[in-house]
């Protein structure tokens, strides 16, 4: 999250992807990682990838990031 907050998109993508690949990641971490990757893909104009990540965030059922993912998917 720190890399994301300071605007280092490459490093934040790397660590968010690692989170998604880890079988030990907690649901809320997966939700945030998938949401952030979807958000960045959307900003980059990669709609297909954005939808894939946002759907994964939505499917976690996380109270914060699943709701935000639904909002982005609706837009």
Protein backbone atom coordinates (compact mmCIF):
# COMPACT_ATOMS: atom_id res chain seq x y z
CA UNK A 1 0.00 0.00 0.00
CA UNK A 2 2.91 2.34 0.69
CA UNK A 3 4.13 2.13 -2.90
CA UNK A 4 0.59 2.88 -4.08
CA UNK A 5 0.27 5.90 -1.80
CA UNK A 6 3.55 7.43 -2.92
CA UNK A 7 2.68 6.89 -6.57
CA UNK A 8 5.15 4.12 -7.42
CA UNK A 9 2.81 2.20 -9.71
CA UNK A 10 5.35 -0.37 -10.87
CA UNK A 11 6.31 -1.46 -7.36
CA UNK A 12 2.73 -1.38 -6.12
CA UNK A 13 1.64 -3.58 -9.04
CA UNK A 14 4.41 -6.05 -8.22
CA UNK A 15 3.44 -6.38 -4.57
CA UNK A 16 -0.30 -6.47 -5.24
CA UNK A 17 0.28 -9.28 -7.76
CA UNK A 18 2.34 -11.17 -5.21
CA UNK A 19 -0.53 -10.83 -2.76
CA UNK A 20 -2.96 -12.31 -5.30
CA UNK A 21 -0.60 -15.20 -6.04
CA UNK A 22 -0.10 -16.12 -2.39
CA UNK A 23 -2.39 -18.81 -1.05
CA UNK A 24 -1.84 -17.46 2.46
CA UNK A 25 -3.18 -13.96 1.80
CA UNK A 26 -6.13 -12.88 3.88
CA UNK A 27 -9.38 -12.04 2.13
CA UNK A 28 -9.16 -8.32 2.89
CA UNK A 29 -5.63 -8.17 1.44
CA UNK A 30 -6.75 -9.98 -1.70
CA UNK A 31 -9.70 -7.62 -2.00
CA UNK A 32 -7.51 -4.53 -1.78
CA UNK A 33 -4.85 -5.92 -4.11
CA UNK A 34 -7.38 -6.90 -6.76
CA UNK A 35 -9.21 -3.58 -6.42
CA UNK A 36 -6.03 -1.50 -6.70
CA UNK A 37 -4.81 -3.48 -9.72
CA UNK A 38 -8.22 -3.04 -11.34
CA UNK A 39 -8.22 0.65 -10.57
CA UNK A 40 -4.77 1.11 -12.12
CA UNK A 41 -5.70 -0.96 -15.18
CA UNK A 42 -8.79 1.19 -15.62
CA UNK A 43 -6.70 4.37 -15.40
CA UNK A 44 -4.34 2.89 -18.01
CA UNK A 45 -7.25 2.18 -20.35
CA UNK A 46 -6.96 -1.61 -20.08
CA UNK A 47 -10.65 -2.39 -19.66
CA UNK A 48 -10.38 -6.18 -19.91
CA UNK A 49 -7.77 -6.41 -17.20
CA UNK A 50 -9.59 -3.86 -15.06
CA UNK A 51 -12.81 -5.89 -15.21
CA UNK A 52 -10.96 -9.12 -14.35
CA UNK A 53 -9.34 -7.63 -11.25
CA UNK A 54 -12.43 -5.72 -10.15
CA UNK A 55 -14.58 -8.83 -10.42
CA UNK A 56 -12.08 -10.66 -8.24
CA UNK A 57 -12.25 -7.87 -5.66
CA UNK A 58 -16.04 -7.92 -5.81
CA UNK A 59 -16.14 -11.68 -5.34
CA UNK A 60 -14.21 -11.48 -2.06
CA UNK A 61 -17.24 -9.96 -0.37
CA UNK A 62 -14.99 -7.52 1.48
CA UNK A 63 -17.02 -4.71 3.06
CA UNK A 64 -14.86 -1.93 1.64
CA UNK A 65 -13.18 -3.03 -1.58
CA UNK A 66 -15.96 -5.28 -2.92
CA UNK A 67 -18.34 -2.32 -2.71
CA UNK A 68 -15.85 0.01 -4.40
CA UNK A 69 -15.22 -2.58 -7.11
CA UNK A 70 -18.96 -2.76 -7.79
CA UNK A 71 -19.04 1.00 -8.21
CA UNK A 72 -16.18 0.97 -10.72
CA UNK A 73 -17.69 -1.97 -12.60
CA UNK A 74 -20.98 -0.06 -12.87
CA UNK A 75 -19.13 2.89 -14.42
